């Protein structure tokens, strides 16, 4: 009988060689939709503090969701298609696609802190049906700049994964083997819940933790393990 397997994947700086929120900001600036110079310092500051674990989850998510508020949905959808094609697909290494393919005999899920609007087409490009992402609040067909429900960050990502599994009549403990791949110390709570935590091109704090815990460390940007 085939084992029940679950493979969870972070997206930014894990399956992608970059951060999709960061690239969306850069894309909007390139399109003339925002003032890059005015917003660059604030964006770099919040990304840095999120990566090191010192910024609140709502603050981080809603900073990026504010970028959507001034724009009509038809315009955002047109931009999104160009963004994924020109800015994201080139950031998907073949090794990431190969790693995903190696888990197709089980349940494959992308669990990301980034919002669903920009990550859903990325998951589709990667051939991943199941996506757990931060849900942006909508009102009258427009983004409000706020988060709906629990942000998919840190402990919230664990909550969202467990809730999603429950909707399927499943539980994390019901899988004989479970993996989670991530680059960030922010994902420590979920890494500690799976049977096979794997860190991917990790930040310094996660690398240190992985070494202490004897977690596997890999790179999707090189051909050999780290």
N, C-alpha and C. Protein backbone atom coordinates (compact mmCIF):
# COMPACT_ATOMS: atom_id res chain seq x y z
N UNK A 1 0.85 -1.20 0.00
CA UNK A 1 0.00 0.00 0.00
C UNK A 1 0.89 1.25 0.00
N UNK A 2 0.55 2.22 -0.82
CA UNK A 2 1.34 3.44 -0.93
C UNK A 2 1.19 4.29 0.33
N UNK A 3 2.31 4.82 0.80
CA UNK A 3 2.29 5.66 1.99
C UNK A 3 1.54 6.97 1.72
N UNK A 4 0.91 7.49 2.78
CA UNK A 4 0.29 8.81 2.69
C UNK A 4 1.38 9.85 2.92
N UNK A 5 1.61 10.69 1.93
CA UNK A 5 2.69 11.66 2.00
C UNK A 5 2.15 13.07 1.75
N UNK A 6 2.77 14.03 2.44
CA UNK A 6 2.42 15.43 2.29
C UNK A 6 3.71 16.22 2.10
N UNK A 7 3.76 17.01 1.05
CA UNK A 7 4.92 17.87 0.80
C UNK A 7 4.46 19.32 0.73
N UNK A 8 4.91 20.12 1.68
CA UNK A 8 4.58 21.54 1.76
C UNK A 8 5.78 22.36 1.30
N UNK A 9 5.53 23.41 0.56
CA UNK A 9 6.60 24.24 0.03
C UNK A 9 6.33 25.71 0.30
N UNK A 10 7.30 26.39 0.89
CA UNK A 10 7.30 27.84 0.87
C UNK A 10 7.55 28.27 -0.58
N UNK A 11 7.23 29.51 -0.89
CA UNK A 11 7.40 29.99 -2.26
C UNK A 11 8.58 30.94 -2.42
N UNK A 12 8.53 32.07 -1.72
CA UNK A 12 9.53 33.12 -1.93
C UNK A 12 10.91 32.70 -1.43
N UNK A 13 11.90 32.86 -2.27
CA UNK A 13 13.28 32.49 -1.96
C UNK A 13 13.44 31.01 -1.65
N UNK A 14 12.44 30.23 -2.00
CA UNK A 14 12.51 28.77 -1.87
C UNK A 14 12.32 28.18 -3.26
N UNK A 15 11.08 28.15 -3.74
CA UNK A 15 10.85 27.72 -5.13
C UNK A 15 11.21 28.81 -6.12
N UNK A 16 11.21 30.06 -5.65
CA UNK A 16 11.60 31.19 -6.50
C UNK A 16 12.96 31.71 -6.06
N UNK A 17 13.74 32.20 -7.01
CA UNK A 17 14.99 32.88 -6.67
C UNK A 17 14.68 34.37 -6.49
N UNK A 18 13.92 34.66 -5.48
CA UNK A 18 13.49 36.01 -5.20
C UNK A 18 12.20 35.99 -4.41
N UNK A 19 11.70 37.16 -4.09
CA UNK A 19 10.49 37.33 -3.30
C UNK A 19 9.40 37.92 -4.18
N UNK A 20 8.27 37.25 -4.27
CA UNK A 20 7.22 37.69 -5.19
C UNK A 20 6.61 39.02 -4.78
N UNK A 21 6.52 39.31 -3.47
CA UNK A 21 6.06 40.62 -3.03
C UNK A 21 7.04 41.71 -3.47
N UNK A 22 8.31 41.45 -3.25
CA UNK A 22 9.36 42.39 -3.62
C UNK A 22 9.34 42.65 -5.13
N UNK A 23 9.20 41.58 -5.89
CA UNK A 23 9.19 41.72 -7.35
C UNK A 23 7.92 42.44 -7.84
N UNK A 24 6.81 42.25 -7.16
CA UNK A 24 5.58 42.97 -7.53
C UNK A 24 5.78 44.47 -7.34
N UNK A 25 6.41 44.84 -6.23
CA UNK A 25 6.73 46.26 -6.00
C UNK A 25 7.60 46.79 -7.14
N UNK A 26 8.65 46.05 -7.49
CA UNK A 26 9.56 46.49 -8.55
C UNK A 26 8.84 46.56 -9.91
N UNK A 27 7.94 45.60 -10.12
CA UNK A 27 7.17 45.59 -11.37
C UNK A 27 6.27 46.83 -11.46
N UNK A 28 5.56 47.14 -10.39
CA UNK A 28 4.69 48.32 -10.40
C UNK A 28 5.49 49.59 -10.62
N UNK A 29 6.68 49.64 -10.04
CA UNK A 29 7.53 50.81 -10.24
C UNK A 29 7.95 50.91 -11.71
N UNK A 30 8.28 49.78 -12.31
CA UNK A 30 8.68 49.77 -13.72
C UNK A 30 7.54 50.16 -14.63
N UNK A 31 6.31 49.87 -14.22
CA UNK A 31 5.13 50.23 -15.00
C UNK A 31 4.71 51.68 -14.76
N UNK A 32 5.38 52.35 -13.85
CA UNK A 32 5.01 53.73 -13.53
C UNK A 32 3.81 53.84 -12.62
N UNK A 33 3.46 52.74 -11.93
CA UNK A 33 2.27 52.71 -11.08
C UNK A 33 2.57 53.17 -9.66
N UNK A 34 3.83 53.36 -9.30
CA UNK A 34 4.19 53.89 -8.01
C UNK A 34 5.56 54.56 -8.10
N UNK A 35 5.86 55.35 -7.11
CA UNK A 35 7.12 56.06 -7.04
C UNK A 35 8.14 55.17 -6.33
N UNK A 36 9.01 54.54 -7.10
CA UNK A 36 9.95 53.59 -6.52
C UNK A 36 10.89 54.26 -5.52
N UNK A 37 11.38 55.42 -5.87
CA UNK A 37 12.35 56.09 -4.98
C UNK A 37 11.73 56.41 -3.63
N UNK A 38 10.49 56.86 -3.66
CA UNK A 38 9.82 57.23 -2.41
C UNK A 38 9.52 56.02 -1.54
N UNK A 39 9.21 54.90 -2.18
CA UNK A 39 8.81 53.72 -1.41
C UNK A 39 9.90 52.71 -1.15
N UNK A 40 11.05 52.85 -1.81
CA UNK A 40 12.09 51.83 -1.76
C UNK A 40 12.62 51.60 -0.34
N UNK A 41 12.93 52.68 0.36
CA UNK A 41 13.51 52.54 1.70
C UNK A 41 12.55 51.84 2.64
N UNK A 42 11.27 52.22 2.60
CA UNK A 42 10.27 51.60 3.47
C UNK A 42 10.09 50.13 3.12
N UNK A 43 10.08 49.83 1.83
CA UNK A 43 9.92 48.45 1.40
C UNK A 43 11.10 47.59 1.83
N UNK A 44 12.30 48.10 1.61
CA UNK A 44 13.49 47.33 1.99
C UNK A 44 13.55 47.12 3.50
N UNK A 45 13.12 48.12 4.24
CA UNK A 45 13.12 48.01 5.69
C UNK A 45 12.18 46.92 6.18
N UNK A 46 10.95 46.91 5.63
CA UNK A 46 9.98 45.93 6.12
C UNK A 46 10.33 44.52 5.66
N UNK A 47 10.88 44.37 4.46
CA UNK A 47 11.31 43.06 3.99
C UNK A 47 12.44 42.53 4.87
N UNK A 48 13.40 43.40 5.18
CA UNK A 48 14.52 42.99 6.03
C UNK A 48 14.03 42.56 7.41
N UNK A 49 13.13 43.36 7.99
CA UNK A 49 12.66 43.05 9.34
C UNK A 49 11.78 41.80 9.35
N UNK A 50 11.04 41.56 8.26
CA UNK A 50 10.27 40.32 8.18
C UNK A 50 11.18 39.11 8.11
N UNK A 51 12.23 39.19 7.27
CA UNK A 51 13.14 38.06 7.11
C UNK A 51 13.86 37.71 8.41
N UNK A 52 14.14 38.75 9.22
CA UNK A 52 14.82 38.49 10.48
C UNK A 52 13.84 38.18 11.60
N UNK A 53 12.54 38.28 11.33
CA UNK A 53 11.52 37.91 12.29
C UNK A 53 11.12 38.99 13.28
N UNK A 54 11.41 40.27 12.96
CA UNK A 54 11.13 41.33 13.92
C UNK A 54 9.93 42.20 13.56
N UNK A 55 9.26 41.92 12.46
CA UNK A 55 8.10 42.72 12.08
C UNK A 55 6.84 41.89 12.25
N UNK A 56 5.75 42.54 12.69
CA UNK A 56 4.50 41.84 12.89
C UNK A 56 3.89 41.34 11.59
N UNK A 57 3.14 40.27 11.68
CA UNK A 57 2.61 39.64 10.48
C UNK A 57 1.62 40.53 9.75
N UNK A 58 0.72 41.17 10.50
CA UNK A 58 -0.25 42.05 9.84
C UNK A 58 0.44 43.25 9.20
N UNK A 59 1.40 43.81 9.90
CA UNK A 59 2.12 44.97 9.36
C UNK A 59 2.80 44.61 8.04
N UNK A 60 3.43 43.45 8.00
CA UNK A 60 4.13 43.03 6.79
C UNK A 60 3.14 42.81 5.64
N UNK A 61 2.10 42.04 5.89
CA UNK A 61 1.14 41.73 4.83
C UNK A 61 0.44 42.98 4.32
N UNK A 62 0.01 43.83 5.24
CA UNK A 62 -0.79 44.97 4.83
C UNK A 62 0.04 46.07 4.19
N UNK A 63 1.34 46.09 4.45
CA UNK A 63 2.19 47.03 3.72
C UNK A 63 2.10 46.73 2.23
N UNK A 64 2.25 45.46 1.85
CA UNK A 64 2.22 45.11 0.44
C UNK A 64 0.81 45.16 -0.13
N UNK A 65 -0.20 44.86 0.67
CA UNK A 65 -1.57 44.93 0.17
C UNK A 65 -2.00 46.36 -0.14
N UNK A 66 -1.37 47.35 0.49
CA UNK A 66 -1.69 48.74 0.19
C UNK A 66 -1.36 49.09 -1.27
N UNK A 67 -0.44 48.35 -1.87
CA UNK A 67 -0.06 48.62 -3.26
C UNK A 67 -1.21 48.37 -4.24
N UNK A 68 -2.19 47.57 -3.82
CA UNK A 68 -3.30 47.21 -4.71
C UNK A 68 -4.46 48.20 -4.65
N UNK A 69 -4.55 48.91 -3.54
CA UNK A 69 -5.74 49.70 -3.25
C UNK A 69 -6.08 50.73 -4.32
N UNK A 70 -5.11 51.49 -4.88
CA UNK A 70 -5.49 52.55 -5.83
C UNK A 70 -5.97 52.06 -7.19
N UNK A 71 -5.88 50.76 -7.46
CA UNK A 71 -6.06 50.29 -8.83
C UNK A 71 -7.32 49.44 -8.99
N UNK A 72 -7.94 49.57 -10.17
CA UNK A 72 -9.10 48.76 -10.51
C UNK A 72 -8.67 47.33 -10.82
N UNK A 73 -9.57 46.38 -10.53
CA UNK A 73 -9.24 44.97 -10.73
C UNK A 73 -8.86 44.62 -12.17
N UNK A 74 -9.57 45.11 -13.21
CA UNK A 74 -9.15 44.75 -14.57
C UNK A 74 -7.71 45.15 -14.88
N UNK A 75 -7.29 46.30 -14.38
CA UNK A 75 -5.92 46.75 -14.59
C UNK A 75 -4.94 45.83 -13.85
N UNK A 76 -5.27 45.48 -12.62
CA UNK A 76 -4.41 44.60 -11.83
C UNK A 76 -4.26 43.24 -12.50
N UNK A 77 -5.32 42.73 -13.08
CA UNK A 77 -5.26 41.41 -13.73
C UNK A 77 -4.36 41.46 -14.96
N UNK A 78 -4.45 42.52 -15.73
CA UNK A 78 -3.56 42.69 -16.90
C UNK A 78 -2.11 42.77 -16.45
N UNK A 79 -1.86 43.57 -15.42
CA UNK A 79 -0.50 43.69 -14.89
C UNK A 79 0.00 42.34 -14.38
N UNK A 80 -0.86 41.61 -13.68
CA UNK A 80 -0.45 40.34 -13.08
C UNK A 80 0.02 39.34 -14.13
N UNK A 81 -0.67 39.30 -15.25
CA UNK A 81 -0.27 38.36 -16.31
C UNK A 81 1.12 38.71 -16.83
N UNK A 82 1.38 39.97 -17.03
CA UNK A 82 2.71 40.40 -17.50
C UNK A 82 3.76 40.15 -16.44
N UNK A 83 3.43 40.43 -15.20
CA UNK A 83 4.35 40.24 -14.07
C UNK A 83 4.79 38.78 -13.95
N UNK A 84 3.84 37.86 -14.00
CA UNK A 84 4.19 36.45 -13.88
C UNK A 84 5.05 36.01 -15.06
N UNK A 85 4.66 36.42 -16.26
CA UNK A 85 5.37 36.01 -17.47
C UNK A 85 6.80 36.55 -17.51
N UNK A 86 6.96 37.84 -17.19
CA UNK A 86 8.25 38.48 -17.40
C UNK A 86 9.13 38.56 -16.15
N UNK A 87 8.52 38.56 -14.98
CA UNK A 87 9.29 38.78 -13.75
C UNK A 87 9.41 37.53 -12.88
N UNK A 88 8.45 36.61 -12.99
CA UNK A 88 8.45 35.45 -12.09
C UNK A 88 8.95 34.17 -12.77
N UNK A 89 8.43 33.86 -13.93
CA UNK A 89 8.84 32.61 -14.58
C UNK A 89 10.36 32.53 -14.74
N UNK A 90 11.05 33.62 -15.08
CA UNK A 90 12.52 33.53 -15.15
C UNK A 90 13.17 33.25 -13.79
N UNK A 91 12.42 33.41 -12.70
CA UNK A 91 12.95 33.17 -11.36
C UNK A 91 12.61 31.78 -10.83
N UNK A 92 12.09 30.92 -11.68
CA UNK A 92 11.80 29.54 -11.28
C UNK A 92 12.90 28.64 -11.81
N UNK A 93 13.81 28.18 -10.97
CA UNK A 93 14.88 27.31 -11.46
C UNK A 93 14.34 25.93 -11.83
N UNK A 94 14.99 25.29 -12.78
CA UNK A 94 14.59 23.93 -13.16
C UNK A 94 14.63 23.00 -11.96
N UNK A 95 15.57 23.24 -11.06
CA UNK A 95 15.70 22.37 -9.88
C UNK A 95 14.46 22.44 -8.99
N UNK A 96 13.78 23.60 -8.97
CA UNK A 96 12.54 23.72 -8.18
C UNK A 96 11.43 22.88 -8.80
N UNK A 97 11.34 22.93 -10.12
CA UNK A 97 10.33 22.11 -10.80
C UNK A 97 10.63 20.62 -10.58
N UNK A 98 11.89 20.25 -10.63
CA UNK A 98 12.27 18.85 -10.43
C UNK A 98 11.96 18.39 -9.01
N UNK A 99 12.20 19.27 -8.04
CA UNK A 99 11.88 18.91 -6.65
C UNK A 99 10.39 18.70 -6.47
N UNK A 100 9.59 19.59 -7.02
CA UNK A 100 8.14 19.41 -6.96
C UNK A 100 7.74 18.09 -7.60
N UNK A 101 8.30 17.78 -8.75
CA UNK A 101 7.96 16.55 -9.45
C UNK A 101 8.31 15.31 -8.61
N UNK A 102 9.34 15.41 -7.80
CA UNK A 102 9.76 14.26 -6.99
C UNK A 102 8.75 13.93 -5.89
N UNK A 103 7.80 14.85 -5.65
CA UNK A 103 6.80 14.64 -4.60
C UNK A 103 5.39 14.42 -5.17
N UNK A 104 5.29 14.23 -6.46
CA UNK A 104 3.96 14.11 -7.07
C UNK A 104 3.22 12.85 -6.66
N UNK A 105 3.91 11.91 -6.00
CA UNK A 105 3.23 10.70 -5.53
C UNK A 105 2.48 10.93 -4.23
N UNK A 106 2.51 12.16 -3.73
CA UNK A 106 1.78 12.51 -2.53
C UNK A 106 1.01 13.81 -2.73
N UNK A 107 0.53 14.37 -1.64
CA UNK A 107 -0.19 15.64 -1.68
C UNK A 107 0.82 16.78 -1.66
N UNK A 108 0.78 17.64 -2.68
CA UNK A 108 1.73 18.73 -2.82
C UNK A 108 0.98 20.06 -2.60
N UNK A 109 1.54 20.90 -1.73
CA UNK A 109 0.88 22.15 -1.35
C UNK A 109 1.92 23.26 -1.27
N UNK A 110 1.61 24.40 -1.83
CA UNK A 110 2.41 25.61 -1.59
C UNK A 110 1.76 26.37 -0.44
N UNK A 111 2.56 26.68 0.59
CA UNK A 111 2.08 27.45 1.74
C UNK A 111 2.94 28.70 1.84
N UNK A 112 2.37 29.83 1.49
CA UNK A 112 3.14 31.07 1.38
C UNK A 112 2.52 32.21 2.17
N UNK A 113 3.38 33.11 2.64
CA UNK A 113 2.91 34.30 3.33
C UNK A 113 2.34 35.33 2.37
N UNK A 114 2.75 35.26 1.11
CA UNK A 114 2.33 36.25 0.12
C UNK A 114 0.86 36.04 -0.24
N UNK A 115 0.21 37.09 -0.69
CA UNK A 115 -1.23 37.03 -0.91
C UNK A 115 -1.61 36.18 -2.13
N UNK A 116 -2.83 35.71 -2.09
CA UNK A 116 -3.32 34.79 -3.12
C UNK A 116 -3.37 35.43 -4.51
N UNK A 117 -3.63 36.72 -4.59
CA UNK A 117 -3.80 37.35 -5.90
C UNK A 117 -2.58 37.13 -6.78
N UNK A 118 -1.39 37.32 -6.24
CA UNK A 118 -0.22 37.14 -7.11
C UNK A 118 0.37 35.74 -7.05
N UNK A 119 0.06 34.97 -6.02
CA UNK A 119 0.66 33.64 -5.92
C UNK A 119 -0.16 32.55 -6.61
N UNK A 120 -1.44 32.77 -6.81
CA UNK A 120 -2.26 31.74 -7.45
C UNK A 120 -1.78 31.41 -8.86
N UNK A 121 -1.52 32.40 -9.72
CA UNK A 121 -1.01 32.05 -11.05
C UNK A 121 0.41 31.47 -11.01
N UNK A 122 1.18 31.80 -9.97
CA UNK A 122 2.51 31.20 -9.84
C UNK A 122 2.38 29.71 -9.50
N UNK A 123 1.47 29.39 -8.59
CA UNK A 123 1.22 27.99 -8.26
C UNK A 123 0.75 27.22 -9.49
N UNK A 124 -0.09 27.84 -10.30
CA UNK A 124 -0.55 27.19 -11.53
C UNK A 124 0.61 26.94 -12.48
N UNK A 125 1.50 27.91 -12.60
CA UNK A 125 2.68 27.75 -13.45
C UNK A 125 3.54 26.59 -12.97
N UNK A 126 3.59 26.39 -11.67
CA UNK A 126 4.38 25.30 -11.10
C UNK A 126 3.64 23.96 -11.10
N UNK A 127 2.40 23.98 -11.54
CA UNK A 127 1.63 22.74 -11.59
C UNK A 127 1.17 22.26 -10.23
N UNK A 128 1.00 23.21 -9.29
CA UNK A 128 0.56 22.86 -7.94
C UNK A 128 -0.89 23.30 -7.75
N UNK A 129 -1.74 22.35 -7.53
CA UNK A 129 -3.18 22.63 -7.43
C UNK A 129 -3.54 23.32 -6.12
N UNK A 130 -2.85 22.96 -5.05
CA UNK A 130 -3.26 23.40 -3.72
C UNK A 130 -2.37 24.53 -3.22
N UNK A 131 -3.00 25.65 -2.87
CA UNK A 131 -2.29 26.84 -2.42
C UNK A 131 -2.90 27.36 -1.13
N UNK A 132 -2.04 27.54 -0.14
CA UNK A 132 -2.42 28.21 1.10
C UNK A 132 -1.66 29.52 1.12
N UNK A 133 -2.37 30.63 1.11
CA UNK A 133 -1.75 31.96 1.00
C UNK A 133 -2.51 32.93 1.89
N UNK A 134 -1.90 34.07 2.15
CA UNK A 134 -2.61 35.13 2.85
C UNK A 134 -3.74 35.64 1.96
N UNK A 135 -4.92 35.76 2.56
CA UNK A 135 -6.10 36.15 1.79
C UNK A 135 -6.34 37.65 1.92
N UNK A 136 -6.31 38.39 0.81
CA UNK A 136 -6.57 39.83 0.88
C UNK A 136 -8.07 40.12 1.00
N UNK A 137 -8.40 41.08 1.82
CA UNK A 137 -9.81 41.47 1.97
C UNK A 137 -10.26 42.23 0.73
N UNK A 138 -11.47 41.90 0.27
CA UNK A 138 -12.07 42.56 -0.89
C UNK A 138 -13.38 43.21 -0.47
N UNK A 139 -13.67 44.35 -1.08
CA UNK A 139 -14.96 45.01 -0.85
C UNK A 139 -15.38 45.67 -2.16
N UNK A 140 -16.57 45.29 -2.65
CA UNK A 140 -17.09 45.83 -3.90
C UNK A 140 -16.10 45.66 -5.06
N UNK A 141 -15.46 44.50 -5.08
CA UNK A 141 -14.56 44.17 -6.18
C UNK A 141 -13.21 44.86 -6.14
N UNK A 142 -12.87 45.46 -5.00
CA UNK A 142 -11.59 46.15 -4.86
C UNK A 142 -10.87 45.67 -3.60
N UNK A 143 -9.56 45.76 -3.64
CA UNK A 143 -8.77 45.44 -2.46
C UNK A 143 -8.88 46.57 -1.44
N UNK A 144 -9.02 46.19 -0.17
CA UNK A 144 -9.10 47.19 0.90
C UNK A 144 -7.73 47.50 1.49
N UNK A 145 -6.75 46.66 1.22
CA UNK A 145 -5.44 46.81 1.84
C UNK A 145 -5.31 46.08 3.16
N UNK A 146 -6.36 45.35 3.53
CA UNK A 146 -6.32 44.59 4.78
C UNK A 146 -6.35 43.09 4.50
N UNK A 147 -6.00 42.33 5.52
CA UNK A 147 -5.98 40.86 5.43
C UNK A 147 -7.32 40.31 5.88
N UNK A 148 -7.81 39.31 5.17
CA UNK A 148 -9.01 38.59 5.58
C UNK A 148 -8.58 37.31 6.31
N UNK A 149 -8.98 37.19 7.56
CA UNK A 149 -8.63 35.99 8.31
C UNK A 149 -7.21 36.02 8.84
N UNK A 150 -6.66 34.83 9.04
CA UNK A 150 -5.33 34.68 9.62
C UNK A 150 -4.26 34.78 8.54
N UNK A 151 -3.30 35.68 8.69
CA UNK A 151 -2.20 35.73 7.71
C UNK A 151 -1.42 34.41 7.72
N UNK A 152 -0.95 34.01 6.58
CA UNK A 152 -0.23 32.74 6.47
C UNK A 152 1.26 32.95 6.76
N UNK A 153 1.56 33.45 7.93
CA UNK A 153 2.94 33.73 8.35
C UNK A 153 3.20 33.10 9.71
N UNK A 154 4.42 32.64 9.90
CA UNK A 154 4.88 32.12 11.19
C UNK A 154 3.88 31.12 11.76
N UNK A 155 3.42 31.31 13.01
CA UNK A 155 2.46 30.36 13.60
C UNK A 155 1.16 30.35 12.80
N UNK A 156 0.86 31.49 12.16
CA UNK A 156 -0.35 31.55 11.35
C UNK A 156 -0.30 30.60 10.17
N UNK A 157 0.88 30.34 9.65
CA UNK A 157 0.99 29.38 8.55
C UNK A 157 0.64 27.98 9.03
N UNK A 158 1.06 27.64 10.24
CA UNK A 158 0.68 26.34 10.82
C UNK A 158 -0.83 26.27 10.96
N UNK A 159 -1.41 27.33 11.52
CA UNK A 159 -2.87 27.37 11.69
C UNK A 159 -3.59 27.16 10.38
N UNK A 160 -3.14 27.88 9.35
CA UNK A 160 -3.81 27.79 8.05
C UNK A 160 -3.66 26.40 7.44
N UNK A 161 -2.49 25.80 7.57
CA UNK A 161 -2.28 24.45 7.03
C UNK A 161 -3.18 23.45 7.74
N UNK A 162 -3.24 23.53 9.07
CA UNK A 162 -4.07 22.59 9.83
C UNK A 162 -5.54 22.78 9.50
N UNK A 163 -5.97 24.03 9.37
CA UNK A 163 -7.37 24.30 9.03
C UNK A 163 -7.69 23.78 7.64
N UNK A 164 -6.77 23.99 6.69
CA UNK A 164 -6.99 23.52 5.33
C UNK A 164 -7.09 22.00 5.28
N UNK A 165 -6.21 21.32 5.99
CA UNK A 165 -6.28 19.86 6.03
C UNK A 165 -7.59 19.39 6.65
N UNK A 166 -8.04 20.10 7.68
CA UNK A 166 -9.30 19.71 8.34
C UNK A 166 -10.48 19.79 7.38
N UNK A 167 -10.47 20.77 6.47
CA UNK A 167 -11.56 20.88 5.50
C UNK A 167 -11.59 19.68 4.56
N UNK A 168 -10.46 18.99 4.46
CA UNK A 168 -10.37 17.78 3.62
C UNK A 168 -10.56 16.51 4.44
N UNK A 169 -10.88 16.67 5.73
CA UNK A 169 -11.02 15.51 6.60
C UNK A 169 -9.69 14.86 6.92
N UNK A 170 -8.62 15.66 6.90
CA UNK A 170 -7.28 15.14 7.14
C UNK A 170 -6.62 15.89 8.29
N UNK A 171 -5.52 15.32 8.79
CA UNK A 171 -4.72 15.95 9.84
C UNK A 171 -3.26 15.70 9.53
N UNK A 172 -2.41 16.60 9.97
CA UNK A 172 -0.98 16.46 9.70
C UNK A 172 -0.46 15.13 10.22
N UNK A 173 -0.94 14.72 11.39
CA UNK A 173 -0.48 13.48 11.98
C UNK A 173 -0.95 12.25 11.21
N UNK A 174 -1.90 12.43 10.31
CA UNK A 174 -2.41 11.31 9.53
C UNK A 174 -1.52 10.91 8.37
N UNK A 175 -0.51 11.72 8.08
CA UNK A 175 0.42 11.39 7.00
C UNK A 175 1.61 10.64 7.57
N UNK A 176 1.95 9.54 6.90
CA UNK A 176 3.10 8.76 7.37
C UNK A 176 4.41 9.51 7.20
N UNK A 177 4.47 10.36 6.17
CA UNK A 177 5.64 11.20 5.96
C UNK A 177 5.17 12.59 5.54
N UNK A 178 5.83 13.60 6.08
CA UNK A 178 5.50 14.98 5.71
C UNK A 178 6.79 15.79 5.58
N UNK A 179 6.81 16.66 4.58
CA UNK A 179 7.96 17.52 4.32
C UNK A 179 7.51 18.98 4.34
N UNK A 180 8.42 19.84 4.72
CA UNK A 180 8.23 21.27 4.50
C UNK A 180 9.57 21.86 4.09
N UNK A 181 9.55 22.58 2.96
CA UNK A 181 10.75 23.21 2.41
C UNK A 181 10.63 24.72 2.59
N UNK A 182 11.64 25.34 3.20
CA UNK A 182 11.60 26.78 3.39
C UNK A 182 13.01 27.35 3.54
N UNK A 183 13.11 28.65 3.24
CA UNK A 183 14.38 29.37 3.37
C UNK A 183 14.46 30.22 4.62
N UNK A 184 13.35 30.42 5.33
CA UNK A 184 13.25 31.51 6.30
C UNK A 184 13.03 31.04 7.73
N UNK A 185 13.67 31.73 8.67
CA UNK A 185 13.45 31.46 10.09
C UNK A 185 12.00 31.70 10.48
N UNK A 186 11.28 32.51 9.73
CA UNK A 186 9.87 32.74 10.02
C UNK A 186 9.04 31.47 9.91
N UNK A 187 9.56 30.48 9.18
CA UNK A 187 8.81 29.23 9.01
C UNK A 187 9.22 28.16 10.01
N UNK A 188 9.96 28.55 11.02
CA UNK A 188 10.35 27.57 12.04
C UNK A 188 9.15 26.81 12.62
N UNK A 189 8.02 27.49 12.94
CA UNK A 189 6.91 26.73 13.55
C UNK A 189 6.43 25.56 12.69
N UNK A 190 6.34 25.75 11.38
CA UNK A 190 5.87 24.66 10.53
C UNK A 190 6.98 23.64 10.29
N UNK A 191 8.21 24.09 10.17
CA UNK A 191 9.33 23.15 10.03
C UNK A 191 9.38 22.18 11.20
N UNK A 192 9.02 22.67 12.38
CA UNK A 192 9.07 21.82 13.58
C UNK A 192 7.90 20.84 13.67
N UNK A 193 6.92 20.99 12.79
CA UNK A 193 5.74 20.12 12.86
C UNK A 193 5.79 18.94 11.90
N UNK A 194 6.66 18.98 10.90
CA UNK A 194 6.69 17.92 9.90
C UNK A 194 7.76 16.87 10.23
N UNK A 195 7.64 15.72 9.59
CA UNK A 195 8.63 14.66 9.86
C UNK A 195 9.93 14.88 9.12
N UNK A 196 9.89 15.65 8.01
CA UNK A 196 11.09 15.92 7.23
C UNK A 196 11.23 17.43 6.98
N UNK A 197 11.77 18.18 7.93
CA UNK A 197 12.03 19.60 7.66
C UNK A 197 13.25 19.75 6.77
N UNK A 198 13.12 20.55 5.72
CA UNK A 198 14.23 20.76 4.79
C UNK A 198 14.39 22.26 4.57
N UNK A 199 15.58 22.76 4.81
CA UNK A 199 15.81 24.19 4.60
C UNK A 199 16.51 24.38 3.27
N UNK A 200 16.08 25.42 2.56
CA UNK A 200 16.48 25.64 1.16
C UNK A 200 17.17 27.01 1.06
N UNK A 201 18.45 27.00 0.67
CA UNK A 201 19.18 28.27 0.56
C UNK A 201 18.84 29.18 1.74
N UNK A 202 19.08 28.71 2.97
CA UNK A 202 18.49 29.37 4.14
C UNK A 202 19.15 30.69 4.51
N UNK A 203 18.37 31.51 5.22
CA UNK A 203 18.96 32.70 5.84
C UNK A 203 19.85 32.24 6.99
N UNK A 204 20.65 33.16 7.53
CA UNK A 204 21.67 32.79 8.50
C UNK A 204 21.08 32.16 9.76
N UNK A 205 19.97 32.71 10.24
CA UNK A 205 19.37 32.19 11.46
C UNK A 205 18.80 30.80 11.25
N UNK A 206 18.18 30.56 10.10
CA UNK A 206 17.64 29.24 9.84
C UNK A 206 18.76 28.22 9.61
N UNK A 207 19.83 28.64 8.96
CA UNK A 207 20.96 27.73 8.76
C UNK A 207 21.53 27.28 10.11
N UNK A 208 21.67 28.22 11.03
CA UNK A 208 22.18 27.89 12.35
C UNK A 208 21.27 26.90 13.07
N UNK A 209 19.96 27.15 12.99
CA UNK A 209 18.99 26.24 13.63
C UNK A 209 19.05 24.87 12.98
N UNK A 210 19.12 24.85 11.65
CA UNK A 210 19.16 23.57 10.94
C UNK A 210 20.39 22.76 11.33
N UNK A 211 21.51 23.43 11.48
CA UNK A 211 22.72 22.74 11.89
C UNK A 211 22.59 22.16 13.29
N UNK A 212 21.95 22.90 14.18
CA UNK A 212 21.75 22.41 15.55
C UNK A 212 20.79 21.23 15.58
N UNK A 213 19.76 21.27 14.72
CA UNK A 213 18.74 20.23 14.72
C UNK A 213 19.05 19.08 13.76
N UNK A 214 20.15 19.20 13.03
CA UNK A 214 20.49 18.21 12.01
C UNK A 214 19.41 18.08 10.94
N UNK A 215 18.81 19.22 10.59
CA UNK A 215 17.86 19.25 9.49
C UNK A 215 18.62 19.26 8.17
N UNK A 216 18.01 18.69 7.16
CA UNK A 216 18.63 18.69 5.84
C UNK A 216 18.69 20.11 5.28
N UNK A 217 19.81 20.44 4.67
CA UNK A 217 19.99 21.74 4.02
C UNK A 217 20.30 21.49 2.55
N UNK A 218 19.52 22.11 1.67
CA UNK A 218 19.73 21.94 0.24
C UNK A 218 19.77 23.30 -0.45
N UNK A 219 20.18 23.30 -1.69
CA UNK A 219 20.11 24.50 -2.51
C UNK A 219 19.40 24.17 -3.81
N UNK A 220 18.52 25.06 -4.21
CA UNK A 220 17.88 24.95 -5.52
C UNK A 220 18.52 25.91 -6.52
N UNK A 221 19.55 26.59 -6.07
CA UNK A 221 20.28 27.50 -6.95
C UNK A 221 21.63 26.94 -7.37
N UNK A 222 21.99 25.77 -6.80
CA UNK A 222 23.24 25.10 -7.13
C UNK A 222 22.93 23.64 -7.43
N UNK A 223 23.91 22.92 -7.90
CA UNK A 223 23.69 21.52 -8.25
C UNK A 223 23.99 20.57 -7.10
N UNK A 224 24.69 21.07 -6.05
CA UNK A 224 25.08 20.22 -4.94
C UNK A 224 24.44 20.70 -3.66
N UNK A 225 24.23 19.78 -2.67
CA UNK A 225 23.72 20.22 -1.38
C UNK A 225 24.65 21.22 -0.74
N UNK A 226 24.07 22.11 0.10
CA UNK A 226 24.86 23.11 0.81
C UNK A 226 25.78 22.42 1.81
